[in-house]
């Protein structure tokens, strides 16, 4: 049986990662980063994903996750975050969707949901036995 304290710690870690996401995808993301995300391996798209991982590194370290696990988790996050963003931007550009188009918002919601599910996965892996 899982201890209630472990559940609380996992939920707090998940909330911290989600709040980090808001900051990194909001004020720390530039318009040029958004534009670069649709071109594979363009530097600002990579930097955007790296900013997310740097913040996650700090959060996971503060949470007491062992360093080797932190490094693996942020590498996993980098790969997933970068490709989720890239695929969403390619789809949006391919169909020429804009903010006024309903499908644009479905793509954005799918993108954000996949990012948040990534954090669920990271927390799950951080608390593995």
N, C-alpha and C. Protein backbone atom coordinates (compact mmCIF):
# COMPACT_ATOMS: atom_id res chain seq x y z
N UNK A 1 0.85 -1.18 0.00
CA UNK A 1 0.00 0.00 0.00
C UNK A 1 0.89 1.24 0.00
N UNK A 2 0.49 2.25 -0.74
CA UNK A 2 1.26 3.48 -0.83
C UNK A 2 0.96 4.36 0.37
N UNK A 3 2.01 4.91 0.97
CA UNK A 3 1.87 5.80 2.11
C UNK A 3 1.23 7.12 1.67
N UNK A 4 0.39 7.70 2.51
CA UNK A 4 -0.27 8.96 2.20
C UNK A 4 0.76 10.08 2.00
N UNK A 5 1.87 10.04 2.72
CA UNK A 5 2.91 11.06 2.57
C UNK A 5 3.55 10.98 1.18
N UNK A 6 3.72 9.78 0.67
CA UNK A 6 4.27 9.59 -0.67
C UNK A 6 3.32 10.16 -1.70
N UNK A 7 2.03 9.93 -1.52
CA UNK A 7 1.03 10.48 -2.44
C UNK A 7 1.06 12.01 -2.40
N UNK A 8 1.16 12.58 -1.22
CA UNK A 8 1.23 14.03 -1.08
C UNK A 8 2.48 14.58 -1.77
N UNK A 9 3.60 13.93 -1.57
CA UNK A 9 4.85 14.38 -2.20
C UNK A 9 4.75 14.30 -3.73
N UNK A 10 4.16 13.22 -4.22
CA UNK A 10 4.00 13.06 -5.66
C UNK A 10 3.08 14.14 -6.23
N UNK A 11 1.99 14.43 -5.54
CA UNK A 11 1.07 15.46 -6.01
C UNK A 11 1.71 16.84 -5.99
N UNK A 12 2.48 17.13 -4.95
CA UNK A 12 3.19 18.41 -4.88
C UNK A 12 4.21 18.54 -6.00
N UNK A 13 4.92 17.46 -6.29
CA UNK A 13 5.88 17.48 -7.39
C UNK A 13 5.16 17.71 -8.72
N UNK A 14 4.03 17.05 -8.91
CA UNK A 14 3.25 17.24 -10.14
C UNK A 14 2.79 18.69 -10.28
N UNK A 15 2.28 19.26 -9.20
CA UNK A 15 1.84 20.66 -9.24
C UNK A 15 3.02 21.59 -9.55
N UNK A 16 4.16 21.34 -8.94
CA UNK A 16 5.35 22.17 -9.20
C UNK A 16 5.76 22.10 -10.67
N UNK A 17 5.73 20.90 -11.25
CA UNK A 17 6.08 20.75 -12.67
C UNK A 17 5.05 21.44 -13.57
N UNK A 18 3.80 21.38 -13.20
CA UNK A 18 2.76 22.05 -14.00
C UNK A 18 2.90 23.57 -13.91
N UNK A 19 3.21 24.09 -12.74
CA UNK A 19 3.40 25.54 -12.59
C UNK A 19 4.65 25.99 -13.36
N UNK A 20 5.67 25.17 -13.33
CA UNK A 20 6.88 25.43 -14.12
C UNK A 20 6.53 25.52 -15.59
N UNK A 21 5.64 24.65 -16.03
CA UNK A 21 5.24 24.63 -17.43
C UNK A 21 4.57 25.94 -17.83
N UNK A 22 3.71 26.45 -16.97
CA UNK A 22 3.03 27.71 -17.25
C UNK A 22 4.06 28.83 -17.44
N UNK A 23 5.05 28.87 -16.58
CA UNK A 23 6.08 29.92 -16.67
C UNK A 23 6.94 29.75 -17.92
N UNK A 24 7.37 28.53 -18.19
CA UNK A 24 8.26 28.29 -19.33
C UNK A 24 7.54 28.40 -20.67
N UNK A 25 6.28 28.03 -20.72
CA UNK A 25 5.52 28.14 -21.97
C UNK A 25 4.87 29.51 -22.11
N UNK A 26 4.86 30.28 -21.04
CA UNK A 26 4.28 31.61 -21.07
C UNK A 26 5.36 32.66 -21.20
N UNK A 27 5.67 33.36 -20.10
CA UNK A 27 6.58 34.51 -20.17
C UNK A 27 8.00 34.19 -20.62
N UNK A 28 8.47 32.96 -20.46
CA UNK A 28 9.83 32.62 -20.88
C UNK A 28 9.92 32.16 -22.33
N UNK A 29 8.79 32.11 -23.03
CA UNK A 29 8.79 31.68 -24.43
C UNK A 29 8.59 32.90 -25.33
N UNK A 30 9.48 33.05 -26.29
CA UNK A 30 9.39 34.19 -27.21
C UNK A 30 8.64 33.78 -28.48
N UNK A 31 8.21 34.77 -29.23
CA UNK A 31 7.54 34.51 -30.51
C UNK A 31 8.49 33.78 -31.46
N UNK A 32 9.76 34.14 -31.44
CA UNK A 32 10.72 33.46 -32.32
C UNK A 32 10.90 31.99 -31.92
N UNK A 33 10.81 31.69 -30.64
CA UNK A 33 10.86 30.28 -30.21
C UNK A 33 9.68 29.52 -30.82
N UNK A 34 8.49 30.12 -30.76
CA UNK A 34 7.31 29.48 -31.33
C UNK A 34 7.54 29.23 -32.82
N UNK A 35 8.06 30.20 -33.52
CA UNK A 35 8.30 30.05 -34.97
C UNK A 35 9.34 28.97 -35.25
N UNK A 36 10.39 28.92 -34.43
CA UNK A 36 11.46 27.95 -34.67
C UNK A 36 11.03 26.51 -34.37
N UNK A 37 10.01 26.34 -33.55
CA UNK A 37 9.61 24.98 -33.16
C UNK A 37 9.10 24.16 -34.35
N UNK A 38 8.71 24.80 -35.44
CA UNK A 38 8.20 24.06 -36.59
C UNK A 38 9.31 23.62 -37.55
N UNK A 39 10.54 24.00 -37.26
CA UNK A 39 11.68 23.60 -38.10
C UNK A 39 12.58 22.71 -37.24
N UNK A 40 12.72 21.46 -37.67
CA UNK A 40 13.42 20.48 -36.85
C UNK A 40 14.85 20.91 -36.56
N UNK A 41 15.21 20.88 -35.28
CA UNK A 41 16.52 21.21 -34.74
C UNK A 41 16.91 22.68 -34.89
N UNK A 42 15.96 23.55 -35.13
CA UNK A 42 16.25 24.99 -35.15
C UNK A 42 16.59 25.40 -33.72
N UNK A 43 17.62 26.21 -33.53
CA UNK A 43 18.14 26.49 -32.19
C UNK A 43 17.14 26.98 -31.15
N UNK A 44 16.27 27.92 -31.48
CA UNK A 44 15.38 28.44 -30.44
C UNK A 44 14.32 27.43 -30.02
N UNK A 45 13.97 26.51 -30.88
CA UNK A 45 13.08 25.42 -30.48
C UNK A 45 13.76 24.51 -29.47
N UNK A 46 15.05 24.25 -29.71
CA UNK A 46 15.84 23.44 -28.78
C UNK A 46 16.00 24.18 -27.46
N UNK A 47 16.30 25.48 -27.53
CA UNK A 47 16.47 26.27 -26.31
C UNK A 47 15.19 26.29 -25.49
N UNK A 48 14.04 26.39 -26.16
CA UNK A 48 12.76 26.38 -25.44
C UNK A 48 12.61 25.09 -24.62
N UNK A 49 12.87 23.94 -25.25
CA UNK A 49 12.77 22.66 -24.54
C UNK A 49 13.82 22.59 -23.43
N UNK A 50 15.00 23.14 -23.68
CA UNK A 50 16.07 23.11 -22.67
C UNK A 50 15.71 23.97 -21.45
N UNK A 51 15.03 25.08 -21.68
CA UNK A 51 14.58 25.92 -20.56
C UNK A 51 13.63 25.12 -19.66
N UNK A 52 12.71 24.40 -20.29
CA UNK A 52 11.80 23.54 -19.52
C UNK A 52 12.59 22.55 -18.68
N UNK A 53 13.59 21.94 -19.29
CA UNK A 53 14.37 20.90 -18.59
C UNK A 53 15.23 21.48 -17.47
N UNK A 54 15.77 22.66 -17.68
CA UNK A 54 16.56 23.30 -16.62
C UNK A 54 15.69 23.57 -15.40
N UNK A 55 14.48 24.06 -15.64
CA UNK A 55 13.56 24.31 -14.52
C UNK A 55 13.13 23.00 -13.86
N UNK A 56 12.88 21.98 -14.66
CA UNK A 56 12.51 20.67 -14.09
C UNK A 56 13.66 20.09 -13.28
N UNK A 57 14.89 20.29 -13.75
CA UNK A 57 16.07 19.82 -13.02
C UNK A 57 16.07 20.39 -11.61
N UNK A 58 15.84 21.69 -11.52
CA UNK A 58 15.83 22.35 -10.20
C UNK A 58 14.72 21.78 -9.33
N UNK A 59 13.54 21.65 -9.88
CA UNK A 59 12.39 21.14 -9.12
C UNK A 59 12.65 19.72 -8.62
N UNK A 60 13.14 18.86 -9.49
CA UNK A 60 13.39 17.47 -9.13
C UNK A 60 14.50 17.36 -8.09
N UNK A 61 15.52 18.20 -8.22
CA UNK A 61 16.61 18.22 -7.23
C UNK A 61 16.09 18.65 -5.86
N UNK A 62 15.30 19.72 -5.83
CA UNK A 62 14.74 20.21 -4.57
C UNK A 62 13.83 19.15 -3.96
N UNK A 63 13.14 18.40 -4.81
CA UNK A 63 12.24 17.35 -4.32
C UNK A 63 13.00 16.14 -3.77
N UNK A 64 14.32 16.12 -3.95
CA UNK A 64 15.11 15.03 -3.39
C UNK A 64 15.23 13.80 -4.28
N UNK A 65 14.92 13.95 -5.55
CA UNK A 65 15.08 12.83 -6.48
C UNK A 65 16.58 12.63 -6.70
N UNK A 66 17.06 11.39 -6.66
CA UNK A 66 18.49 11.13 -6.86
C UNK A 66 18.99 11.71 -8.20
N UNK A 67 20.20 12.24 -8.19
CA UNK A 67 20.75 12.94 -9.35
C UNK A 67 20.71 12.11 -10.63
N UNK A 68 21.07 10.85 -10.55
CA UNK A 68 21.06 10.02 -11.77
C UNK A 68 19.64 9.92 -12.33
N UNK A 69 18.65 9.84 -11.46
CA UNK A 69 17.25 9.80 -11.91
C UNK A 69 16.84 11.15 -12.48
N UNK A 70 17.27 12.22 -11.84
CA UNK A 70 16.95 13.57 -12.34
C UNK A 70 17.47 13.73 -13.76
N UNK A 71 18.71 13.33 -13.99
CA UNK A 71 19.29 13.47 -15.33
C UNK A 71 18.53 12.66 -16.37
N UNK A 72 18.12 11.45 -16.01
CA UNK A 72 17.35 10.62 -16.94
C UNK A 72 15.97 11.24 -17.20
N UNK A 73 15.36 11.75 -16.14
CA UNK A 73 14.01 12.32 -16.28
C UNK A 73 14.02 13.58 -17.13
N UNK A 74 15.01 14.44 -16.94
CA UNK A 74 15.04 15.67 -17.75
C UNK A 74 15.42 15.37 -19.20
N UNK A 75 16.22 14.35 -19.42
CA UNK A 75 16.51 13.95 -20.79
C UNK A 75 15.23 13.44 -21.47
N UNK A 76 14.48 12.61 -20.76
CA UNK A 76 13.21 12.13 -21.28
C UNK A 76 12.27 13.30 -21.56
N UNK A 77 12.19 14.23 -20.61
CA UNK A 77 11.33 15.39 -20.82
C UNK A 77 11.78 16.18 -22.05
N UNK A 78 13.08 16.38 -22.21
CA UNK A 78 13.56 17.14 -23.36
C UNK A 78 13.10 16.50 -24.67
N UNK A 79 13.32 15.21 -24.80
CA UNK A 79 12.95 14.50 -26.04
C UNK A 79 11.45 14.61 -26.29
N UNK A 80 10.65 14.36 -25.26
CA UNK A 80 9.20 14.42 -25.41
C UNK A 80 8.73 15.85 -25.67
N UNK A 81 9.20 16.80 -24.87
CA UNK A 81 8.73 18.17 -25.02
C UNK A 81 9.06 18.72 -26.40
N UNK A 82 10.30 18.53 -26.82
CA UNK A 82 10.71 19.03 -28.13
C UNK A 82 9.84 18.46 -29.25
N UNK A 83 9.61 17.15 -29.22
CA UNK A 83 8.86 16.52 -30.31
C UNK A 83 7.37 16.82 -30.25
N UNK A 84 6.81 16.95 -29.06
CA UNK A 84 5.40 17.35 -28.95
C UNK A 84 5.22 18.73 -29.57
N UNK A 85 6.09 19.66 -29.23
CA UNK A 85 6.01 21.02 -29.79
C UNK A 85 6.20 21.00 -31.30
N UNK A 86 7.21 20.28 -31.76
CA UNK A 86 7.51 20.22 -33.19
C UNK A 86 6.32 19.67 -33.98
N UNK A 87 5.76 18.57 -33.52
CA UNK A 87 4.63 17.95 -34.24
C UNK A 87 3.42 18.88 -34.26
N UNK A 88 3.12 19.50 -33.12
CA UNK A 88 1.98 20.43 -33.08
C UNK A 88 2.18 21.58 -34.04
N UNK A 89 3.36 22.17 -34.03
CA UNK A 89 3.63 23.31 -34.92
C UNK A 89 3.60 22.89 -36.38
N UNK A 90 4.10 21.72 -36.70
CA UNK A 90 4.05 21.24 -38.10
C UNK A 90 2.60 21.05 -38.55
N UNK A 91 1.78 20.50 -37.69
CA UNK A 91 0.37 20.29 -38.04
C UNK A 91 -0.34 21.64 -38.23
N UNK A 92 -0.13 22.56 -37.30
CA UNK A 92 -0.76 23.88 -37.38
C UNK A 92 -0.34 24.59 -38.67
N UNK A 93 0.94 24.55 -38.99
CA UNK A 93 1.43 25.21 -40.21
C UNK A 93 0.94 24.49 -41.46
N UNK A 94 0.94 23.16 -41.43
CA UNK A 94 0.50 22.39 -42.59
C UNK A 94 -0.94 22.74 -42.98
N UNK A 95 -1.80 22.85 -41.98
CA UNK A 95 -3.21 23.15 -42.25
C UNK A 95 -3.50 24.64 -42.25
N UNK A 96 -2.45 25.45 -42.00
CA UNK A 96 -2.59 26.90 -42.02
C UNK A 96 -3.64 27.39 -41.02
N UNK A 97 -3.59 26.81 -39.82
CA UNK A 97 -4.52 27.20 -38.77
C UNK A 97 -3.99 28.41 -38.01
N UNK A 98 -4.91 29.29 -37.64
CA UNK A 98 -4.57 30.49 -36.88
C UNK A 98 -5.42 30.54 -35.62
N UNK A 99 -5.11 31.50 -34.76
CA UNK A 99 -5.80 31.63 -33.48
C UNK A 99 -7.32 31.73 -33.63
N UNK A 100 -7.79 32.24 -34.73
CA UNK A 100 -9.23 32.38 -34.94
C UNK A 100 -9.89 31.08 -35.39
N UNK A 101 -9.09 30.06 -35.68
CA UNK A 101 -9.62 28.79 -36.19
C UNK A 101 -9.80 27.79 -35.04
N UNK A 102 -10.95 27.14 -35.00
CA UNK A 102 -11.22 26.14 -33.98
C UNK A 102 -10.17 25.04 -33.91
N UNK A 103 -9.74 24.48 -35.06
CA UNK A 103 -8.75 23.40 -35.00
C UNK A 103 -7.42 23.83 -34.38
N UNK A 104 -7.07 25.12 -34.50
CA UNK A 104 -5.85 25.59 -33.84
C UNK A 104 -5.92 25.31 -32.34
N UNK A 105 -7.08 25.59 -31.75
CA UNK A 105 -7.25 25.43 -30.31
C UNK A 105 -7.26 23.97 -29.91
N UNK A 106 -7.81 23.10 -30.78
CA UNK A 106 -7.75 21.67 -30.50
C UNK A 106 -6.31 21.18 -30.51
N UNK A 107 -5.52 21.69 -31.47
CA UNK A 107 -4.10 21.31 -31.53
C UNK A 107 -3.36 21.80 -30.29
N UNK A 108 -3.66 23.02 -29.87
CA UNK A 108 -3.01 23.57 -28.68
C UNK A 108 -3.39 22.78 -27.42
N UNK A 109 -4.66 22.45 -27.30
CA UNK A 109 -5.12 21.68 -26.14
C UNK A 109 -4.47 20.29 -26.13
N UNK A 110 -4.37 19.66 -27.30
CA UNK A 110 -3.72 18.35 -27.38
C UNK A 110 -2.25 18.46 -26.98
N UNK A 111 -1.58 19.49 -27.47
CA UNK A 111 -0.17 19.75 -27.14
C UNK A 111 0.01 19.93 -25.63
N UNK A 112 -0.80 20.77 -25.03
CA UNK A 112 -0.68 21.03 -23.59
C UNK A 112 -1.02 19.79 -22.76
N UNK A 113 -2.00 19.03 -23.20
CA UNK A 113 -2.36 17.79 -22.50
C UNK A 113 -1.20 16.80 -22.54
N UNK A 114 -0.57 16.66 -23.69
CA UNK A 114 0.58 15.76 -23.79
C UNK A 114 1.73 16.22 -22.90
N UNK A 115 1.95 17.53 -22.81
CA UNK A 115 2.99 18.04 -21.90
C UNK A 115 2.65 17.68 -20.45
N UNK A 116 1.41 17.88 -20.06
CA UNK A 116 1.03 17.59 -18.68
C UNK A 116 1.05 16.09 -18.40
N UNK A 117 0.72 15.28 -19.39
CA UNK A 117 0.84 13.83 -19.21
C UNK A 117 2.32 13.42 -19.08
N UNK A 118 3.21 14.17 -19.73
CA UNK A 118 4.64 13.94 -19.56
C UNK A 118 5.02 14.12 -18.09
N UNK A 119 4.46 15.16 -17.44
CA UNK A 119 4.76 15.38 -16.03
C UNK A 119 4.21 14.27 -15.15
N UNK A 120 3.07 13.73 -15.50
CA UNK A 120 2.52 12.58 -14.77
C UNK A 120 3.50 11.41 -14.90
N UNK A 121 4.01 11.20 -16.11
CA UNK A 121 4.99 10.12 -16.33
C UNK A 121 6.27 10.37 -15.52
N UNK A 122 6.76 11.61 -15.52
CA UNK A 122 7.99 11.92 -14.78
C UNK A 122 7.81 11.65 -13.28
N UNK A 123 6.67 12.06 -12.74
CA UNK A 123 6.41 11.84 -11.32
C UNK A 123 6.30 10.34 -11.05
N UNK A 124 5.60 9.63 -11.92
CA UNK A 124 5.47 8.17 -11.78
C UNK A 124 6.85 7.52 -11.73
N UNK A 125 7.72 7.94 -12.64
CA UNK A 125 9.07 7.36 -12.69
C UNK A 125 9.92 7.80 -11.51
N UNK A 126 9.73 9.03 -11.05
CA UNK A 126 10.50 9.53 -9.90
C UNK A 126 10.18 8.76 -8.63
N UNK A 127 8.96 8.25 -8.54
CA UNK A 127 8.54 7.53 -7.32
C UNK A 127 8.53 6.02 -7.51
N UNK A 128 9.17 5.55 -8.57
CA UNK A 128 9.22 4.10 -8.77
C UNK A 128 9.99 3.44 -7.65
N UNK A 129 9.62 2.23 -7.32
CA UNK A 129 10.32 1.55 -6.21
C UNK A 129 11.76 1.17 -6.58
